[in-house]
Protein backbone atom coordinates (compact mmCIF):
# COMPACT_ATOMS: atom_id res chain seq x y z
CA MET A 1 -33.86 20.59 -24.61
CA GLN A 2 -34.01 16.75 -26.10
CA VAL A 3 -34.55 16.34 -29.69
CA ASN A 4 -34.33 13.23 -32.03
CA VAL A 5 -32.01 12.80 -34.87
CA HIS A 6 -34.46 13.39 -37.53
CA GLU A 7 -35.73 16.30 -35.91
CA ALA A 8 -32.28 17.67 -35.42
CA LYS A 9 -31.31 17.24 -39.04
CA SER A 10 -34.64 19.35 -40.34
CA GLN A 11 -34.44 21.83 -37.41
CA LEU A 12 -30.27 22.34 -37.40
CA SER A 13 -30.61 26.10 -37.61
CA ARG A 14 -33.09 26.82 -35.66
CA LEU A 15 -31.26 24.39 -32.86
CA LEU A 16 -27.84 26.47 -33.72
CA GLU A 17 -29.78 29.67 -32.55
CA LEU A 18 -31.12 28.37 -29.14
CA VAL A 19 -27.35 27.07 -28.34
CA GLU A 20 -26.09 30.49 -29.22
CA GLU A 21 -28.61 32.24 -27.00
CA GLY A 22 -27.85 29.76 -24.22
CA GLU A 23 -29.97 26.86 -24.44
CA SER A 24 -28.26 23.34 -23.72
CA VAL A 25 -29.56 20.82 -26.90
CA ILE A 26 -28.85 17.11 -26.45
CA ILE A 27 -29.76 14.91 -29.64
CA ALA A 28 -31.00 11.36 -29.31
CA ARG A 29 -31.32 8.12 -30.68
CA HIS A 30 -34.30 5.84 -29.98
CA GLY A 31 -34.34 7.81 -26.71
CA GLN A 32 -30.92 7.76 -25.81
CA PRO A 33 -28.50 10.92 -25.52
CA VAL A 34 -25.96 10.75 -27.86
CA ALA A 35 -24.32 14.49 -28.54
CA GLU A 36 -24.73 17.71 -26.93
CA LEU A 37 -25.17 20.80 -28.84
CA VAL A 38 -22.58 23.30 -27.20
CA PRO A 39 -21.08 26.33 -27.99
CA ALA A 40 -17.60 26.78 -30.05
CA ARG A 41 -14.86 27.88 -28.44
CA GLN A 42 -13.86 31.58 -28.60
CA LYS A 43 -10.84 31.88 -30.33
CA GLY A 44 -8.13 33.70 -28.22
CA PHE A 45 -7.18 33.37 -24.66
CA PRO A 46 -8.71 30.13 -23.33
CA PHE A 47 -9.07 30.97 -19.59
CA GLY A 48 -12.17 32.99 -18.85
CA ILE A 49 -11.30 34.32 -15.86
CA ALA A 50 -8.13 36.16 -17.15
CA ARG A 51 -10.66 37.95 -19.78
CA GLY A 52 -11.01 40.51 -17.35
CA GLU A 53 -8.18 41.23 -15.74
CA PRO A 54 -4.37 39.63 -15.67
CA LEU A 55 -3.24 36.60 -14.31
CA VAL A 56 -0.39 38.45 -12.61
CA ARG A 57 -0.70 42.05 -10.80
CA PRO A 58 1.60 44.23 -13.29
CA GLY A 59 5.69 44.71 -11.90
CA ASP A 60 7.65 41.87 -10.24
CA GLU A 61 5.73 41.58 -7.34
CA TRP A 62 4.42 38.17 -8.28
CA TRP A 63 7.88 36.81 -8.93
CA GLN A 64 9.01 37.13 -5.32
CA PRO A 65 9.72 34.55 -2.86
CA MET A 66 6.45 33.34 -0.95
CA SER A 67 6.95 34.04 2.87
CA ASP A 68 6.76 31.25 5.59
CA SER A 69 3.26 32.46 6.87
CA GLU A 70 2.36 32.61 2.72
CA ALA A 71 3.68 28.97 2.19
CA GLU A 72 1.90 27.63 5.26
CA ASP A 73 -1.61 29.23 4.16
CA TRP A 74 -0.67 27.41 1.08
CA ILE A 75 0.28 23.87 2.41
CA GLU A 76 -2.76 24.29 4.43
CA GLY A 77 -4.93 24.58 1.28
CA GLN A 78 -3.89 21.36 0.01
């Protein structure tokens, strides 16, 4: 959704509710996009991928060196 500056000023509460519901809100001046309202970052760990699972498996296994085949696979993926 795109709104002009005047509408954004007069409808800010409603626009914030839309953003909280997942809507993208762009604020425009003279029809040109100037800003985008986005949800604030949540406090805590910044990487969404680590919220459900730890970054590494429990234990010391993750600290072991790669095998030659793992290293080759990693190099090929670069």
